[in-house]
Amino acid sequence: QVQLVESGGGLVQPGGSRRLSCAASGFTFSSSAMSWYRQAPGKERELVASINSAGGSTGYAISVKGRFTISRDNAKNTVYLQMNSLKSEDTAVYYCHTVARLEGYWGQGTQVTVSS
């Protein structure tokens, strides 16, 4: 079965950095686009960044462009989100997402809290 397991969340100070990882299994990772979403308390889940199957094409929400970088390692079946210059408004649960066999799948999420 498809599994997406996020890790790397935690407490970080404003201006700091954090790298999230999402380990994937149960589908052909190297053929699948991957995305990171986030959901802050009281807000809807929003798309943060996406990457195509080969890793050559990426897209970002305006709010994170220039600060976050999505990447992937197809040999390790893992997608990453490098977050720099973190702000308090980046505080959220971050989720990994993919579409496999015409169905959408989510990880369990990892909490990122930006606070001094």
N, C-alpha and C. Protein backbone atom coordinates (compact mmCIF):
# COMPACT_ATOMS: atom_id res chain seq x y z
N GLN A 1 0.83 -1.17 0.00
CA GLN A 1 0.00 0.00 0.00
C GLN A 1 0.89 1.24 0.00
N VAL A 2 0.31 2.34 -0.48
CA VAL A 2 1.06 3.59 -0.54
C VAL A 2 1.26 4.13 0.87
N GLN A 3 2.51 4.47 1.16
CA GLN A 3 2.82 5.10 2.44
C GLN A 3 3.71 6.30 2.21
N LEU A 4 3.38 7.38 2.91
CA LEU A 4 4.18 8.60 2.91
C LEU A 4 4.44 8.95 4.37
N VAL A 5 5.71 9.02 4.74
CA VAL A 5 6.07 9.26 6.13
C VAL A 5 6.95 10.49 6.21
N GLU A 6 6.39 11.56 6.79
CA GLU A 6 7.14 12.81 6.94
C GLU A 6 7.96 12.80 8.23
N SER A 7 9.05 13.53 8.20
CA SER A 7 9.87 13.72 9.39
C SER A 7 10.62 15.04 9.26
N GLY A 8 11.18 15.47 10.39
CA GLY A 8 12.00 16.67 10.38
C GLY A 8 11.37 17.90 10.99
N GLY A 9 10.13 17.81 11.39
CA GLY A 9 9.49 18.96 12.00
C GLY A 9 10.03 19.24 13.39
N GLY A 10 9.61 20.37 13.95
CA GLY A 10 10.05 20.73 15.29
C GLY A 10 9.92 22.22 15.51
N LEU A 11 10.54 22.67 16.59
CA LEU A 11 10.53 24.09 16.95
C LEU A 11 11.77 24.75 16.39
N VAL A 12 11.58 25.88 15.72
CA VAL A 12 12.71 26.61 15.13
C VAL A 12 12.49 28.10 15.36
N GLN A 13 13.56 28.82 15.56
CA GLN A 13 13.46 30.26 15.79
C GLN A 13 13.22 31.01 14.48
N PRO A 14 12.59 32.16 14.55
CA PRO A 14 12.43 32.99 13.35
C PRO A 14 13.77 33.26 12.70
N GLY A 15 13.79 33.14 11.38
CA GLY A 15 15.04 33.30 10.65
C GLY A 15 15.83 32.03 10.50
N GLY A 16 15.42 30.99 11.18
CA GLY A 16 16.14 29.73 11.13
C GLY A 16 15.76 28.87 9.93
N SER A 17 16.34 27.67 9.90
CA SER A 17 16.13 26.74 8.80
C SER A 17 15.71 25.37 9.31
N ARG A 18 15.07 24.63 8.44
CA ARG A 18 14.65 23.27 8.78
C ARG A 18 14.51 22.50 7.47
N ARG A 19 14.86 21.21 7.50
CA ARG A 19 14.64 20.37 6.33
C ARG A 19 13.67 19.26 6.68
N LEU A 20 12.60 19.19 5.90
CA LEU A 20 11.63 18.12 6.05
C LEU A 20 11.93 17.03 5.04
N SER A 21 11.62 15.79 5.43
CA SER A 21 11.77 14.64 4.54
C SER A 21 10.45 13.89 4.46
N CYS A 22 10.22 13.27 3.32
CA CYS A 22 9.05 12.41 3.15
C CYS A 22 9.52 11.13 2.48
N ALA A 23 9.47 10.04 3.21
CA ALA A 23 9.86 8.74 2.68
C ALA A 23 8.64 8.05 2.09
N ALA A 24 8.76 7.63 0.84
CA ALA A 24 7.61 7.06 0.12
C ALA A 24 7.82 5.57 -0.16
N SER A 25 6.72 4.84 -0.20
CA SER A 25 6.76 3.43 -0.55
C SER A 25 5.40 3.00 -1.07
N GLY A 26 5.39 1.85 -1.78
CA GLY A 26 4.13 1.29 -2.24
C GLY A 26 3.69 1.74 -3.61
N PHE A 27 4.51 2.53 -4.29
CA PHE A 27 4.18 2.97 -5.64
C PHE A 27 5.50 3.30 -6.35
N THR A 28 5.41 3.57 -7.65
CA THR A 28 6.61 3.87 -8.42
C THR A 28 6.98 5.33 -8.22
N PHE A 29 7.80 5.57 -7.22
CA PHE A 29 8.15 6.93 -6.80
C PHE A 29 8.76 7.72 -7.96
N SER A 30 9.65 7.10 -8.70
CA SER A 30 10.39 7.82 -9.75
C SER A 30 9.49 8.26 -10.91
N SER A 31 8.26 7.79 -10.94
CA SER A 31 7.32 8.17 -11.99
C SER A 31 6.25 9.15 -11.49
N SER A 32 6.36 9.56 -10.25
CA SER A 32 5.28 10.33 -9.62
C SER A 32 5.73 11.73 -9.21
N ALA A 33 4.90 12.72 -9.57
CA ALA A 33 5.12 14.05 -9.03
C ALA A 33 4.82 14.03 -7.53
N MET A 34 5.47 14.91 -6.79
CA MET A 34 5.29 14.98 -5.34
C MET A 34 5.05 16.44 -4.94
N SER A 35 4.32 16.60 -3.85
CA SER A 35 4.02 17.94 -3.38
C SER A 35 4.11 18.01 -1.86
N TRP A 36 4.36 19.22 -1.38
CA TRP A 36 4.25 19.53 0.05
C TRP A 36 3.09 20.51 0.22
N TYR A 37 2.25 20.24 1.19
CA TYR A 37 1.17 21.13 1.59
C TYR A 37 1.39 21.49 3.06
N ARG A 38 0.68 22.50 3.51
CA ARG A 38 0.69 22.82 4.93
C ARG A 38 -0.68 23.32 5.37
N GLN A 39 -0.94 23.14 6.66
CA GLN A 39 -2.20 23.60 7.24
C GLN A 39 -1.93 24.23 8.58
N ALA A 40 -2.22 25.51 8.66
CA ALA A 40 -2.08 26.25 9.92
C ALA A 40 -3.39 26.17 10.70
N PRO A 41 -3.35 26.36 12.01
CA PRO A 41 -4.58 26.29 12.81
C PRO A 41 -5.65 27.27 12.30
N GLY A 42 -6.85 26.76 12.09
CA GLY A 42 -7.94 27.59 11.64
C GLY A 42 -7.91 27.96 10.18
N LYS A 43 -6.96 27.41 9.43
CA LYS A 43 -6.85 27.74 8.01
C LYS A 43 -6.98 26.49 7.15
N GLU A 44 -7.25 26.70 5.87
CA GLU A 44 -7.34 25.58 4.95
C GLU A 44 -5.94 25.09 4.58
N ARG A 45 -5.90 23.83 4.19
CA ARG A 45 -4.63 23.27 3.72
C ARG A 45 -4.25 23.96 2.40
N GLU A 46 -2.97 24.32 2.27
CA GLU A 46 -2.52 25.02 1.07
C GLU A 46 -1.30 24.35 0.47
N LEU A 47 -1.20 24.45 -0.84
CA LEU A 47 -0.05 23.91 -1.56
C LEU A 47 1.16 24.80 -1.33
N VAL A 48 2.26 24.18 -0.96
CA VAL A 48 3.50 24.91 -0.70
C VAL A 48 4.47 24.79 -1.87
N ALA A 49 4.70 23.54 -2.31
CA ALA A 49 5.68 23.32 -3.37
C ALA A 49 5.40 21.98 -4.05
N SER A 50 5.77 21.90 -5.33
CA SER A 50 5.61 20.66 -6.09
C SER A 50 6.86 20.41 -6.91
N ILE A 51 7.08 19.14 -7.25
CA ILE A 51 8.22 18.76 -8.07
C ILE A 51 7.78 17.64 -8.99
N ASN A 52 8.27 17.67 -10.23
CA ASN A 52 7.87 16.61 -11.17
C ASN A 52 8.66 15.34 -10.90
N SER A 53 8.36 14.29 -11.64
CA SER A 53 8.92 12.98 -11.34
C SER A 53 10.44 12.94 -11.47
N ALA A 54 10.97 13.65 -12.43
CA ALA A 54 12.43 13.64 -12.64
C ALA A 54 13.16 14.66 -11.78
N GLY A 55 12.40 15.58 -11.21
CA GLY A 55 13.02 16.60 -10.37
C GLY A 55 13.47 17.85 -11.10
N GLY A 56 13.20 17.90 -12.40
CA GLY A 56 13.67 19.03 -13.18
C GLY A 56 12.76 20.22 -13.20
N SER A 57 11.55 20.06 -12.69
CA SER A 57 10.58 21.16 -12.69
C SER A 57 9.96 21.29 -11.32
N THR A 58 9.96 22.50 -10.80
CA THR A 58 9.41 22.77 -9.47
C THR A 58 8.49 23.99 -9.51
N GLY A 59 7.63 24.07 -8.52
CA GLY A 59 6.74 25.22 -8.39
C GLY A 59 6.53 25.54 -6.93
N TYR A 60 6.29 26.82 -6.64
CA TYR A 60 6.17 27.25 -5.24
C TYR A 60 5.02 28.22 -5.05
N ALA A 61 4.47 28.20 -3.85
CA ALA A 61 3.54 29.24 -3.46
C ALA A 61 4.30 30.57 -3.37
N ILE A 62 3.61 31.65 -3.67
CA ILE A 62 4.26 32.96 -3.63
C ILE A 62 4.83 33.24 -2.23
N SER A 63 4.14 32.78 -1.22
CA SER A 63 4.54 33.08 0.16
C SER A 63 5.86 32.43 0.57
N VAL A 64 6.30 31.40 -0.17
CA VAL A 64 7.53 30.71 0.21
C VAL A 64 8.61 30.79 -0.86
N LYS A 65 8.29 31.34 -2.01
CA LYS A 65 9.24 31.39 -3.12
C LYS A 65 10.47 32.17 -2.71
N GLY A 66 11.64 31.60 -2.99
CA GLY A 66 12.90 32.23 -2.62
C GLY A 66 13.40 31.82 -1.24
N ARG A 67 12.53 31.19 -0.44
CA ARG A 67 12.92 30.75 0.90
C ARG A 67 12.92 29.22 1.03
N PHE A 68 12.00 28.57 0.34
CA PHE A 68 11.88 27.12 0.41
C PHE A 68 12.37 26.49 -0.88
N THR A 69 12.92 25.28 -0.76
CA THR A 69 13.36 24.52 -1.93
C THR A 69 12.90 23.08 -1.81
N ILE A 70 12.18 22.61 -2.82
CA ILE A 70 11.76 21.21 -2.87
C ILE A 70 12.75 20.45 -3.74
N SER A 71 13.08 19.24 -3.32
CA SER A 71 13.99 18.39 -4.09
C SER A 71 13.62 16.93 -3.84
N ARG A 72 14.21 16.05 -4.60
CA ARG A 72 13.91 14.64 -4.44
C ARG A 72 15.13 13.81 -4.75
N ASP A 73 15.16 12.61 -4.16
CA ASP A 73 16.18 11.62 -4.43
C ASP A 73 15.45 10.34 -4.84
N ASN A 74 15.38 10.08 -6.12
CA ASN A 74 14.63 8.92 -6.59
C ASN A 74 15.28 7.59 -6.20
N ALA A 75 16.56 7.61 -5.92
CA ALA A 75 17.24 6.39 -5.46
C ALA A 75 16.83 6.05 -4.03
N LYS A 76 16.42 7.07 -3.27
CA LYS A 76 16.03 6.85 -1.87
C LYS A 76 14.52 6.94 -1.67
N ASN A 77 13.78 7.15 -2.76
CA ASN A 77 12.32 7.30 -2.65
C ASN A 77 11.94 8.35 -1.62
N THR A 78 12.62 9.48 -1.68
CA THR A 78 12.41 10.52 -0.67
C THR A 78 12.32 11.90 -1.34
N VAL A 79 11.40 12.69 -0.83
CA VAL A 79 11.29 14.08 -1.25
C VAL A 79 11.57 14.96 -0.05
N TYR A 80 12.19 16.11 -0.31
CA TYR A 80 12.62 17.00 0.76
C TYR A 80 12.01 18.39 0.59
N LEU A 81 11.94 19.10 1.70
CA LEU A 81 11.57 20.50 1.66
C LEU A 81 12.56 21.24 2.56
N GLN A 82 13.46 21.99 1.94
CA GLN A 82 14.40 22.82 2.68
C GLN A 82 13.75 24.17 2.91
N MET A 83 13.63 24.54 4.18
CA MET A 83 12.96 25.79 4.54
C MET A 83 13.97 26.72 5.20
N ASN A 84 14.18 27.86 4.61
CA ASN A 84 15.11 28.86 5.13
C ASN A 84 14.35 30.15 5.47
N SER A 85 14.99 30.99 6.25
CA SER A 85 14.41 32.29 6.63
C SER A 85 12.98 32.12 7.14
N LEU A 86 12.81 31.19 8.04
CA LEU A 86 11.47 30.86 8.51
C LEU A 86 10.84 32.01 9.28
N LYS A 87 9.53 32.15 9.10
CA LYS A 87 8.75 33.19 9.75
C LYS A 87 7.66 32.55 10.62
N SER A 88 7.12 33.32 11.52
CA SER A 88 6.08 32.78 12.40
C SER A 88 4.89 32.28 11.58
N GLU A 89 4.62 32.94 10.47
CA GLU A 89 3.49 32.52 9.64
C GLU A 89 3.73 31.22 8.89
N ASP A 90 4.92 30.67 8.97
CA ASP A 90 5.20 29.35 8.41
C ASP A 90 4.80 28.23 9.36
N THR A 91 4.41 28.58 10.57
CA THR A 91 3.98 27.58 11.54
C THR A 91 2.76 26.83 11.02
N ALA A 92 2.87 25.51 10.95
CA ALA A 92 1.80 24.68 10.38
C ALA A 92 2.19 23.22 10.49
N VAL A 93 1.22 22.37 10.20
CA VAL A 93 1.51 20.96 9.96
C VAL A 93 1.81 20.81 8.48
N TYR A 94 2.92 20.21 8.16
CA TYR A 94 3.35 20.04 6.77
C TYR A 94 3.08 18.60 6.34
N TYR A 95 2.45 18.47 5.17
CA TYR A 95 2.06 17.18 4.64
C TYR A 95 2.69 16.92 3.28
N CYS A 96 3.04 15.68 3.08
CA CYS A 96 3.53 15.19 1.80
C CYS A 96 2.32 14.64 1.04
N HIS A 97 2.30 14.80 -0.28
CA HIS A 97 1.16 14.35 -1.08
C HIS A 97 1.62 13.83 -2.43
N THR A 98 0.92 12.79 -2.90
CA THR A 98 1.13 12.32 -4.24
C THR A 98 -0.16 11.73 -4.79
N VAL A 99 -0.19 11.54 -6.09
CA VAL A 99 -1.29 10.83 -6.74
C VAL A 99 -0.70 9.56 -7.33
N ALA A 100 -1.23 8.42 -6.94
CA ALA A 100 -0.75 7.14 -7.44
C ALA A 100 -1.96 6.29 -7.82
N ARG A 101 -1.89 5.73 -8.99
CA ARG A 101 -2.99 4.90 -9.49
C ARG A 101 -4.32 5.66 -9.38
N LEU A 102 -4.28 6.92 -9.76
CA LEU A 102 -5.45 7.81 -9.85
C LEU A 102 -6.06 8.17 -8.49
N GLU A 103 -5.35 7.89 -7.41
CA GLU A 103 -5.84 8.26 -6.08
C GLU A 103 -4.84 9.16 -5.40
N GLY A 104 -5.36 10.11 -4.60
CA GLY A 104 -4.49 10.98 -3.84
C GLY A 104 -4.15 10.38 -2.49
N TYR A 105 -2.89 10.57 -2.07
CA TYR A 105 -2.43 10.03 -0.80
C TYR A 105 -1.72 11.12 0.00
N TRP A 106 -1.92 11.07 1.31
CA TRP A 106 -1.32 12.02 2.23
C TRP A 106 -0.51 11.29 3.28
N GLY A 107 0.55 11.95 3.74
CA GLY A 107 1.25 11.45 4.91
C GLY A 107 0.51 11.91 6.16
N GLN A 108 1.09 11.57 7.32
CA GLN A 108 0.44 11.89 8.58
C GLN A 108 0.73 13.33 9.02
N GLY A 109 1.70 13.95 8.40
CA GLY A 109 2.05 15.33 8.70
C GLY A 109 3.14 15.45 9.75
N THR A 110 3.86 16.56 9.68
CA THR A 110 4.88 16.86 10.68
C THR A 110 4.74 18.34 11.06
N GLN A 111 4.74 18.59 12.37
CA GLN A 111 4.50 19.95 12.87
C GLN A 111 5.77 20.78 12.80
N VAL A 112 5.66 21.96 12.24
CA VAL A 112 6.74 22.94 12.26
C VAL A 112 6.23 24.17 13.01
N THR A 113 6.93 24.54 14.06
CA THR A 113 6.56 25.71 14.86
C THR A 113 7.71 26.71 14.82
N VAL A 114 7.42 27.89 14.36
CA VAL A 114 8.43 28.95 14.27
C VAL A 114 8.14 29.97 15.38
N SER A 115 8.99 29.97 16.37
CA SER A 115 8.75 30.84 17.53
C SER A 115 10.05 31.06 18.28
N SER A 116 10.14 32.23 18.91
CA SER A 116 11.32 32.50 19.74
C SER A 116 11.04 32.13 21.20
